Amino acid sequence: MSRTAYDVIIRPIISEQSMEDMDIKKYVFEVAKDATKVEIAKAVEEIFDVRVIKVNTLHVRGRSKRVGAAPQGMTKSWKKAVVKLSADSKNIEIFENMA
């Protein structure tokens, strides 16, 4: 079964660091845990009509957390991708109103 670009890219990550990296055309996304760098690059190119030159990925481990008197649990672990666009690519609009 083939998955769509929207199955690979889950959501953009909005943080202070990711906002600063927009100036150098770096964007951060939460991606499917089993997505490869090639799949991530193709998905970003398809969704946003840009040219990707580099993809870095990392697994973010879940951390322990408790709420009130409830026993300690874990937050979910997930995969993050930092995507670098070519200099002649347009900016990704989803991030424009955030800065």
PDB file of N, CA and C in Angstrom:
ATOM      1  N   MET A   1       0.839  -1.188   0.000  1.00  0.00           N
ATOM      2  CA  MET A   1       0.000   0.000   0.000  1.00  0.00           C
ATOM      3  C   MET A   1       0.881   1.249   0.000  1.00  0.00           C
ATOM      4  N   SER A   2       0.616   2.113  -0.913  1.00  0.00           N
ATOM      5  CA  SER A   2       1.381   3.353  -1.033  1.00  0.00           C
ATOM      6  C   SER A   2       0.763   4.432  -0.144  1.00  0.00           C
ATOM      7  N   ARG A   3       1.615   5.187   0.513  1.00  0.00           N
ATOM      8  CA  ARG A   3       1.065   6.256   1.346  1.00  0.00           C
ATOM      9  C   ARG A   3       1.267   7.608   0.689  1.00  0.00           C
ATOM     10  N   THR A   4       0.405   8.532   1.044  1.00  0.00           N
ATOM     11  CA  THR A   4       0.444   9.862   0.446  1.00  0.00           C
ATOM     12  C   THR A   4       1.450  10.734   1.182  1.00  0.00           C
ATOM     13  N   ALA A   5       1.714  11.895   0.618  1.00  0.00           N
ATOM     14  CA  ALA A   5       2.638  12.845   1.242  1.00  0.00           C
ATOM     15  C   ALA A   5       2.104  13.302   2.596  1.00  0.00           C
ATOM     16  N   TYR A   6       0.774  13.342   2.728  1.00  0.00           N
ATOM     17  CA  TYR A   6       0.167  13.788   3.973  1.00  0.00           C
ATOM     18  C   TYR A   6       0.256  12.718   5.061  1.00  0.00           C
ATOM     19  N   ASP A   7       0.516  11.456   4.682  1.00  0.00           N
ATOM     20  CA  ASP A   7       0.759  10.403   5.665  1.00  0.00           C
ATOM     21  C   ASP A   7       2.178  10.492   6.206  1.00  0.00           C
ATOM     22  N   VAL A   8       3.099  11.032   5.407  1.00  0.00           N
ATOM     23  CA  VAL A   8       4.505  11.151   5.813  1.00  0.00           C
ATOM     24  C   VAL A   8       4.697  12.382   6.694  1.00  0.00           C
ATOM     25  N   ILE A   9       4.191  13.536   6.250  1.00  0.00           N
ATOM     26  CA  ILE A   9       4.321  14.790   7.008  1.00  0.00           C
ATOM     27  C   ILE A   9       3.113  14.915   7.920  1.00  0.00           C
ATOM     28  N   ILE A  10       3.341  14.905   9.230  1.00  0.00           N
ATOM     29  CA  ILE A  10       2.227  14.960  10.183  1.00  0.00           C
ATOM     30  C   ILE A  10       1.864  16.397  10.521  1.00  0.00           C
ATOM     31  N   ARG A  11       2.851  17.196  10.936  1.00  0.00           N
ATOM     32  CA  ARG A  11       2.569  18.590  11.282  1.00  0.00           C
ATOM     33  C   ARG A  11       3.869  19.380  11.318  1.00  0.00           C
ATOM     34  N   PRO A  12       3.800  20.697  11.139  1.00  0.00           N
ATOM     35  CA  PRO A  12       4.996  21.526  11.308  1.00  0.00           C
ATOM     36  C   PRO A  12       5.269  21.731  12.797  1.00  0.00           C
ATOM     37  N   ILE A  13       6.526  21.892  13.143  1.00  0.00           N
ATOM     38  CA  ILE A  13       6.917  22.165  14.523  1.00  0.00           C
ATOM     39  C   ILE A  13       7.172  23.663  14.635  1.00  0.00           C
ATOM     40  N   ILE A  14       6.403  24.316  15.495  1.00  0.00           N
ATOM     41  CA  ILE A  14       6.530  25.759  15.686  1.00  0.00           C
ATOM     42  C   ILE A  14       7.238  25.993  17.020  1.00  0.00           C
ATOM     43  N   SER A  15       8.471  26.458  16.959  1.00  0.00           N
ATOM     44  CA  SER A  15       9.231  26.770  18.167  1.00  0.00           C
ATOM     45  C   SER A  15      10.092  27.997  17.886  1.00  0.00           C
ATOM     46  N   GLU A  16      10.692  28.510  18.919  1.00  0.00           N
ATOM     47  CA  GLU A  16      11.540  29.684  18.756  1.00  0.00           C
ATOM     48  C   GLU A  16      12.699  29.378  17.817  1.00  0.00           C
ATOM     49  N   GLN A  17      13.308  28.218  17.990  1.00  0.00           N
ATOM     50  CA  GLN A  17      14.443  27.828  17.150  1.00  0.00           C
ATOM     51  C   GLN A  17      14.013  27.638  15.694  1.00  0.00           C
ATOM     52  N   SER A  18      12.872  26.993  15.480  1.00  0.00           N
ATOM     53  CA  SER A  18      12.431  26.765  14.097  1.00  0.00           C
ATOM     54  C   SER A  18      12.060  28.075  13.409  1.00  0.00           C
ATOM     55  N   MET A  19      11.571  29.043  14.161  1.00  0.00           N
ATOM     56  CA  MET A  19      11.256  30.357  13.583  1.00  0.00           C
ATOM     57  C   MET A  19      12.535  31.072  13.142  1.00  0.00           C
ATOM     58  N   GLU A  20      13.607  30.953  13.920  1.00  0.00           N
ATOM     59  CA  GLU A  20      14.877  31.582  13.555  1.00  0.00           C
ATOM     60  C   GLU A  20      15.481  30.918  12.327  1.00  0.00           C
ATOM     61  N   ASP A  21      15.316  29.603  12.198  1.00  0.00           N
ATOM     62  CA  ASP A  21      15.897  28.869  11.073  1.00  0.00           C
ATOM     63  C   ASP A  21      15.174  29.126   9.760  1.00  0.00           C
ATOM     64  N   MET A  22      13.982  29.731   9.806  1.00  0.00           N
ATOM     65  CA  MET A  22      13.267  30.046   8.575  1.00  0.00           C
ATOM     66  C   MET A  22      14.066  31.002   7.695  1.00  0.00           C
ATOM     67  N   ASP A  23      14.873  31.865   8.309  1.00  0.00           N
ATOM     68  CA  ASP A  23      15.668  32.829   7.541  1.00  0.00           C
ATOM     69  C   ASP A  23      16.670  32.132   6.626  1.00  0.00           C
ATOM     70  N   ILE A  24      17.140  30.953   7.034  1.00  0.00           N
ATOM     71  CA  ILE A  24      18.095  30.207   6.207  1.00  0.00           C
ATOM     72  C   ILE A  24      17.411  29.035   5.507  1.00  0.00           C
ATOM     73  N   LYS A  25      16.084  29.133   5.369  1.00  0.00           N
ATOM     74  CA  LYS A  25      15.254  28.154   4.659  1.00  0.00           C
ATOM     75  C   LYS A  25      15.349  26.751   5.246  1.00  0.00           C
ATOM     76  N   LYS A  26      15.323  26.666   6.560  1.00  0.00           N
ATOM     77  CA  LYS A  26      15.237  25.385   7.251  1.00  0.00           C
ATOM     78  C   LYS A  26      13.878  25.311   7.929  1.00  0.00           C
ATOM     79  N   TYR A  27      13.179  24.196   7.738  1.00  0.00           N
ATOM     80  CA  TYR A  27      11.850  24.003   8.308  1.00  0.00           C
ATOM     81  C   TYR A  27      11.809  22.685   9.052  1.00  0.00           C
ATOM     82  N   VAL A  28      11.043  22.639  10.137  1.00  0.00           N
ATOM     83  CA  VAL A  28      10.992  21.465  10.996  1.00  0.00           C
ATOM     84  C   VAL A  28       9.580  20.877  10.967  1.00  0.00           C
ATOM     85  N   PHE A  29       9.502  19.544  10.820  1.00  0.00           N
ATOM     86  CA  PHE A  29       8.226  18.848  10.759  1.00  0.00           C
ATOM     87  C   PHE A  29       8.252  17.618  11.652  1.00  0.00           C
ATOM     88  N   GLU A  30       7.082  17.259  12.190  1.00  0.00           N
ATOM     89  CA  GLU A  30       6.916  15.936  12.772  1.00  0.00           C
ATOM     90  C   GLU A  30       6.539  15.021  11.612  1.00  0.00           C
ATOM     91  N   VAL A  31       7.213  13.879  11.520  1.00  0.00           N
ATOM     92  CA  VAL A  31       6.988  12.965  10.401  1.00  0.00           C
ATOM     93  C   VAL A  31       6.651  11.573  10.927  1.00  0.00           C
ATOM     94  N   ALA A  32       6.194  10.709  10.042  1.00  0.00           N
ATOM     95  CA  ALA A  32       5.892   9.328  10.400  1.00  0.00           C
ATOM     96  C   ALA A  32       7.167   8.658  10.905  1.00  0.00           C
ATOM     97  N   LYS A  33       7.026   7.816  11.926  1.00  0.00           N
ATOM     98  CA  LYS A  33       8.189   7.190  12.551  1.00  0.00           C
ATOM     99  C   LYS A  33       9.005   6.338  11.590  1.00  0.00           C
ATOM    100  N   ASP A  34       8.354   5.732  10.612  1.00  0.00           N
ATOM    101  CA  ASP A  34       9.072   4.852   9.690  1.00  0.00           C
ATOM    102  C   ASP A  34       9.394   5.518   8.354  1.00  0.00           C
ATOM    103  N   ALA A  35       9.242   6.842   8.268  1.00  0.00           N
ATOM    104  CA  ALA A  35       9.519   7.564   7.022  1.00  0.00           C
ATOM    105  C   ALA A  35      11.026   7.699   6.814  1.00  0.00           C
ATOM    106  N   THR A  36      11.454   7.525   5.568  1.00  0.00           N
ATOM    107  CA  THR A  36      12.865   7.695   5.233  1.00  0.00           C
ATOM    108  C   THR A  36      13.118   9.136   4.804  1.00  0.00           C
ATOM    109  N   LYS A  37      14.396   9.504   4.710  1.00  0.00           N
ATOM    110  CA  LYS A  37      14.740  10.859   4.296  1.00  0.00           C
ATOM    111  C   LYS A  37      14.263  11.144   2.874  1.00  0.00           C
ATOM    112  N   VAL A  38      14.349  10.145   2.009  1.00  0.00           N
ATOM    113  CA  VAL A  38      13.905  10.315   0.617  1.00  0.00           C
ATOM    114  C   VAL A  38      12.395  10.538   0.576  1.00  0.00           C
ATOM    115  N   GLU A  39      11.645   9.753   1.346  1.00  0.00           N
ATOM    116  CA  GLU A  39      10.189   9.927   1.394  1.00  0.00           C
ATOM    117  C   GLU A  39       9.822  11.304   1.932  1.00  0.00           C
ATOM    118  N   ILE A  40      10.534  11.760   2.963  1.00  0.00           N
ATOM    119  CA  ILE A  40      10.260  13.071   3.560  1.00  0.00           C
ATOM    120  C   ILE A  40      10.522  14.179   2.537  1.00  0.00           C
ATOM    121  N   ALA A  41      11.648  14.101   1.831  1.00  0.00           N
ATOM    122  CA  ALA A  41      11.982  15.115   0.826  1.00  0.00           C
ATOM    123  C   ALA A  41      10.925  15.164  -0.272  1.00  0.00           C
ATOM    124  N   LYS A  42      10.512  13.999  -0.773  1.00  0.00           N
ATOM    125  CA  LYS A  42       9.499  13.963  -1.834  1.00  0.00           C
ATOM    126  C   LYS A  42       8.164  14.508  -1.342  1.00  0.00           C
ATOM    127  N   ALA A  43       7.803  14.197  -0.096  1.00  0.00           N
ATOM    128  CA  ALA A  43       6.531  14.671   0.453  1.00  0.00           C
ATOM    129  C   ALA A  43       6.525  16.188   0.589  1.00  0.00           C
ATOM    130  N   VAL A  44       7.609  16.763   1.106  1.00  0.00           N
ATOM    131  CA  VAL A  44       7.689  18.222   1.262  1.00  0.00           C
ATOM    132  C   VAL A  44       7.659  18.896  -0.107  1.00  0.00           C
ATOM    133  N   GLU A  45       8.377  18.336  -1.083  1.00  0.00           N
ATOM    134  CA  GLU A  45       8.380  18.910  -2.427  1.00  0.00           C
ATOM    135  C   GLU A  45       6.985  18.852  -3.047  1.00  0.00           C
ATOM    136  N   GLU A  46       6.274  17.753  -2.829  1.00  0.00           N
ATOM    137  CA  GLU A  46       4.935  17.600  -3.405  1.00  0.00           C
ATOM    138  C   GLU A  46       3.926  18.540  -2.756  1.00  0.00           C
ATOM    139  N   ILE A  47       3.946  18.633  -1.426  1.00  0.00           N
ATOM    140  CA  ILE A  47       2.950  19.438  -0.713  1.00  0.00           C
ATOM    141  C   ILE A  47       3.173  20.933  -0.925  1.00  0.00           C
ATOM    142  N   PHE A  48       4.428  21.383  -0.797  1.00  0.00           N
ATOM    143  CA  PHE A  48       4.706  22.825  -0.782  1.00  0.00           C
ATOM    144  C   PHE A  48       5.300  23.349  -2.086  1.00  0.00           C
ATOM    145  N   ASP A  49       5.550  22.498  -3.079  1.00  0.00           N
ATOM    146  CA  ASP A  49       6.094  22.907  -4.372  1.00  0.00           C
ATOM    147  C   ASP A  49       7.411  23.669  -4.216  1.00  0.00           C
ATOM    148  N   VAL A  50       8.351  23.050  -3.507  1.00  0.00           N
ATOM    149  CA  VAL A  50       9.677  23.619  -3.275  1.00  0.00           C
ATOM    150  C   VAL A  50      10.718  22.562  -3.642  1.00  0.00           C
ATOM    151  N   ARG A  51      12.006  22.938  -3.577  1.00  0.00           N
ATOM    152  CA  ARG A  51      13.081  21.989  -3.860  1.00  0.00           C
ATOM    153  C   ARG A  51      13.889  21.757  -2.586  1.00  0.00           C
ATOM    154  N   VAL A  52      13.936  20.512  -2.138  1.00  0.00           N
ATOM    155  CA  VAL A  52      14.639  20.137  -0.912  1.00  0.00           C
ATOM    156  C   VAL A  52      16.056  19.712  -1.275  1.00  0.00           C
ATOM    157  N   ILE A  53      17.053  20.240  -0.536  1.00  0.00           N
ATOM    158  CA  ILE A  53      18.435  19.837  -0.797  1.00  0.00           C
ATOM    159  C   ILE A  53      18.999  18.956   0.318  1.00  0.00           C
ATOM    160  N   LYS A  54      18.398  19.005   1.514  1.00  0.00           N
ATOM    161  CA  LYS A  54      18.924  18.204   2.615  1.00  0.00           C
ATOM    162  C   LYS A  54      17.831  17.916   3.624  1.00  0.00           C
ATOM    163  N   VAL A  55      17.870  16.708   4.197  1.00  0.00           N
ATOM    164  CA  VAL A  55      16.932  16.318   5.246  1.00  0.00           C
ATOM    165  C   VAL A  55      17.722  15.681   6.378  1.00  0.00           C
ATOM    166  N   ASN A  56      17.555  16.187   7.577  1.00  0.00           N
ATOM    167  CA  ASN A  56      18.118  15.574   8.776  1.00  0.00           C
ATOM    168  C   ASN A  56      16.957  15.072   9.620  1.00  0.00           C
ATOM    169  N   THR A  57      17.102  13.873  10.184  1.00  0.00           N
ATOM    170  CA  THR A  57      16.038  13.319  11.015  1.00  0.00           C
ATOM    171  C   THR A  57      16.574  12.936  12.376  1.00  0.00           C
ATOM    172  N   LEU A  58      15.683  12.927  13.363  1.00  0.00           N
ATOM    173  CA  LEU A  58      16.051  12.435  14.679  1.00  0.00           C
ATOM    174  C   LEU A  58      14.809  11.915  15.381  1.00  0.00           C
ATOM    175  N   HIS A  59      15.013  10.919  16.225  1.00  0.00           N
ATOM    176  CA  HIS A  59      13.934  10.352  17.023  1.00  0.00           C
ATOM    177  C   HIS A  59      13.887  11.097  18.350  1.00  0.00           C
ATOM    178  N   VAL A  60      12.706  11.586  18.714  1.00  0.00           N
ATOM    179  CA  VAL A  60      12.522  12.289  19.984  1.00  0.00           C
ATOM    180  C   VAL A  60      11.905  11.285  20.948  1.00  0.00           C
ATOM    181  N   ARG A  61      12.620  10.965  22.007  1.00  0.00           N
ATOM    182  CA  ARG A  61      12.135   9.990  22.972  1.00  0.00           C
ATOM    183  C   ARG A  61      11.031  10.576  23.827  1.00  0.00           C
ATOM    184  N   GLY A  62      10.083   9.715  24.200  1.00  0.00           N
ATOM    185  CA  GLY A  62       9.053  10.141  25.133  1.00  0.00           C
ATOM    186  C   GLY A  62       9.674  10.351  26.506  1.00  0.00           C
ATOM    187  N   ARG A  63       9.150  11.299  27.250  1.00  0.00           N
ATOM    188  CA  ARG A  63       9.694  11.550  28.582  1.00  0.00           C
ATOM    189  C   ARG A  63       8.649  11.202  29.631  1.00  0.00           C
ATOM    190  N   SER A  64       9.109  10.968  30.837  1.00  0.00           N
ATOM    191  CA  SER A  64       8.162  10.608  31.893  1.00  0.00           C
ATOM    192  C   SER A  64       7.416  11.851  32.353  1.00  0.00           C
ATOM    193  N   LYS A  65       6.156  11.660  32.668  1.00  0.00           N
ATOM    194  CA  LYS A  65       5.313  12.786  33.046  1.00  0.00           C
ATOM    195  C   LYS A  65       4.208  12.266  33.957  1.00  0.00           C
ATOM    196  N   ARG A  66       3.793  13.065  34.895  1.00  0.00           N
ATOM    197  CA  ARG A  66       2.653  12.684  35.721  1.00  0.00           C
ATOM    198  C   ARG A  66       1.710  13.861  35.838  1.00  0.00           C
ATOM    199  N   VAL A  67       0.433  13.554  36.022  1.00  0.00           N
ATOM    200  CA  VAL A  67      -0.592  14.578  36.145  1.00  0.00           C
ATOM    201  C   VAL A  67      -1.277  14.356  37.481  1.00  0.00           C
ATOM    202  N   GLY A  68      -1.109  15.282  38.390  1.00  0.00           N
ATOM    203  CA  GLY A  68      -1.740  15.179  39.708  1.00  0.00           C
ATOM    204  C   GLY A  68      -1.270  13.942  40.456  1.00  0.00           C
ATOM    205  N   ALA A  69      -2.217  13.220  41.048  1.00  0.00           N
ATOM    206  CA  ALA A  69      -1.877  12.047  41.846  1.00  0.00           C
ATOM    207  C   ALA A  69      -1.814  10.782  40.991  1.00  0.00           C
ATOM    208  N   ALA A  70      -2.066  10.891  39.698  1.00  0.00           N
ATOM    209  CA  ALA A  70      -2.043   9.722  38.814  1.00  0.00           C
ATOM    210  C   ALA A  70      -0.632   9.154  38.755  1.00  0.00           C
ATOM    211  N   PRO A  71      -0.503   7.861  38.517  1.00  0.00           N
ATOM    212  CA  PRO A  71       0.828   7.283  38.417  1.00  0.00           C
ATOM    213  C   PRO A  71       1.594   7.845  37.224  1.00  0.00           C
ATOM    214  N   GLN A  72       2.891   7.743  37.310  1.00  0.00           N
ATOM    215  CA  GLN A  72       3.749   8.301  36.271  1.00  0.00           C
ATOM    216  C   GLN A  72       3.523   7.579  34.948  1.00  0.00           C
ATOM    217  N   GLY A  73       3.477   8.355  33.856  1.00  0.00           N
ATOM    218  CA  GLY A  73       3.312   7.792  32.523  1.00  0.00           C
ATOM    219  C   GLY A  73       4.386   8.346  31.603  1.00  0.00           C
ATOM    220  N   MET A  74       4.232   8.073  30.327  1.00  0.00           N
ATOM    221  CA  MET A  74       5.212   8.539  29.350  1.00  0.00           C
ATOM    222  C   MET A  74       4.496   9.329  28.250  1.00  0.00           C
ATOM    223  N   THR A  75       5.148  10.391  27.762  1.00  0.00           N
ATOM    224  CA  THR A  75       4.646  11.059  26.576  1.00  0.00           C
ATOM    225  C   THR A  75       5.067  10.214  25.373  1.00  0.00           C
ATOM    226  N   LYS A  76       4.444  10.433  24.233  1.00  0.00           N
ATOM    227  CA  LYS A  76       4.756   9.590  23.081  1.00  0.00           C
ATOM    228  C   LYS A  76       6.115   9.956  22.495  1.00  0.00           C
ATOM    229  N   SER A  77       6.769   8.977  21.909  1.00  0.00           N
ATOM    230  CA  SER A  77       7.996   9.248  21.170  1.00  0.00           C
ATOM    231  C   SER A  77       7.610   9.499  19.717  1.00  0.00           C
ATOM    232  N   TRP A  78       8.398  10.306  19.005  1.00  0.00           N
ATOM    233  CA  TRP A  78       8.067  10.691  17.647  1.00  0.00           C
ATOM    234  C   TRP A  78       9.326  11.000  16.863  1.00  0.00           C
ATOM    235  N   LYS A  79       9.167  11.236  15.574  1.00  0.00           N
ATOM    236  CA  LYS A  79      10.305  11.502  14.702  1.00  0.00           C
ATOM    237  C   LYS A  79      10.208  12.919  14.165  1.00  0.00           C
ATOM    238  N   LYS A  80      11.338  13.612  14.184  1.00  0.00           N
ATOM    239  CA  LYS A  80      11.405  14.996  13.722  1.00  0.00           C
ATOM    240  C   LYS A  80      12.311  15.065  12.502  1.00  0.00           C
ATOM    241  N   ALA A  81      11.951  15.901  11.540  1.00  0.00           N
ATOM    242  CA  ALA A  81      12.762  16.100  10.337  1.00  0.00           C
ATOM    243  C   ALA A  81      13.045  17.585  10.166  1.00  0.00           C
ATOM    244  N   VAL A  82      14.318  17.920   9.942  1.00  0.00           N
ATOM    245  CA  VAL A  82      14.720  19.289   9.627  1.00  0.00           C
ATOM    246  C   VAL A  82      15.022  19.308   8.135  1.00  0.00           C
ATOM    247  N   VAL A  83      14.252  20.097   7.396  1.00  0.00           N
ATOM    248  CA  VAL A  83      14.335  20.122   5.935  1.00  0.00           C
ATOM    249  C   VAL A  83      14.965  21.430   5.491  1.00  0.00           C
ATOM    250  N   LYS A  84      16.035  21.341   4.689  1.00  0.00           N
ATOM    251  CA  LYS A  84      16.712  22.521   4.145  1.00  0.00           C
ATOM    252  C   LYS A  84      16.312  22.669   2.685  1.00  0.00           C
ATOM    253  N   LEU A  85      15.820  23.862   2.328  1.00  0.00           N
ATOM    254  CA  LEU A  85      15.392  24.134   0.954  1.00  0.00           C
ATOM    255  C   LEU A  85      16.513  24.790   0.168  1.00  0.00           C
ATOM    256  N   SER A  86      16.443  24.678  -1.151  1.00  0.00           N
ATOM    257  CA  SER A  86      17.431  25.331  -2.001  1.00  0.00           C
ATOM    258  C   SER A  86      17.229  26.847  -1.948  1.00  0.00           C
ATOM    259  N   ALA A  87      18.262  27.574  -2.301  1.00  0.00           N
ATOM    260  CA  ALA A  87      18.213  29.036  -2.208  1.00  0.00           C
ATOM    261  C   ALA A  87      17.171  29.639  -3.142  1.00  0.00           C
ATOM    262  N   ASP A  88      16.913  28.998  -4.286  1.00  0.00           N
ATOM    263  CA  ASP A  88      15.949  29.551  -5.232  1.00  0.00           C
ATOM    264  C   ASP A  88      14.516  29.099  -4.969  1.00  0.00           C
ATOM    265  N   SER A  89      14.302  28.272  -3.940  1.00  0.00           N
ATOM    266  CA  SER A  89      12.943  27.845  -3.590  1.00  0.00           C
ATOM    267  C   SER A  89      12.204  28.967  -2.879  1.00  0.00           C
ATOM    268  N   LYS A  90      10.879  28.967  -3.056  1.00  0.00           N
ATOM    269  CA  LYS A  90      10.067  29.949  -2.330  1.00  0.00           C
ATOM    270  C   LYS A  90       9.937  29.505  -0.874  1.00  0.00           C
ATOM    271  N   ASN A  91       9.533  30.420  -0.008  1.00  0.00           N
ATOM    272  CA  ASN A  91       9.323  30.081   1.392  1.00  0.00           C
ATOM    273  C   ASN A  91       8.035  29.289   1.538  1.00  0.00           C
ATOM    274  N   ILE A  92       7.938  28.503   2.599  1.00  0.00           N
ATOM    275  CA  ILE A  92       6.735  27.730   2.873  1.00  0.00           C
ATOM    276  C   ILE A  92       5.754  28.639   3.582  1.00  0.00           C
ATOM    277  N   GLU A  93       4.559  28.795   3.009  1.00  0.00           N
ATOM    278  CA  GLU A  93       3.587  29.779   3.491  1.00  0.00           C
ATOM    279  C   GLU A  93       3.037  29.464   4.874  1.00  0.00           C
ATOM    280  N   ILE A  94       3.012  28.191   5.228  1.00  0.00           N
ATOM    281  CA  ILE A  94       2.389  27.798   6.494  1.00  0.00           C
ATOM    282  C   ILE A  94       3.059  28.497   7.678  1.00  0.00           C
ATOM    283  N   PHE A  95       4.333  28.848   7.520  1.00  0.00           N
ATOM    284  CA  PHE A  95       5.082  29.456   8.610  1.00  0.00           C
ATOM    285  C   PHE A  95       5.072  30.984   8.562  1.00  0.00           C
ATOM    286  N   GLU A  96       4.594  31.571   7.483  1.00  0.00           N
ATOM    287  CA  GLU A  96       4.721  33.011   7.286  1.00  0.00           C
ATOM    288  C   GLU A  96       4.033  33.850   8.351  1.00  0.00           C
ATOM    289  N   ASN A  97       2.845  33.463   8.782  1.00  0.00           N
ATOM    290  CA  ASN A  97       2.080  34.272   9.737  1.00  0.00           C
ATOM    291  C   ASN A  97       2.545  34.078  11.171  1.00  0.00           C
ATOM    292  N   MET A  98       3.461  33.167  11.396  1.00  0.00           N
ATOM    293  CA  MET A  98       3.915  32.861  12.755  1.00  0.00           C
ATOM    294  C   MET A  98       4.985  33.844  13.237  1.00  0.00           C
ATOM    295  N   ALA A  99       5.813  34.295  12.338  1.00  0.00           N
ATOM    296  CA  ALA A  99       6.966  35.119  12.725  1.00  0.00           C
ATOM    297  C   ALA A  99       6.573  36.499  13.191  1.00  0.00           C
TER     298      ALA A  99
END
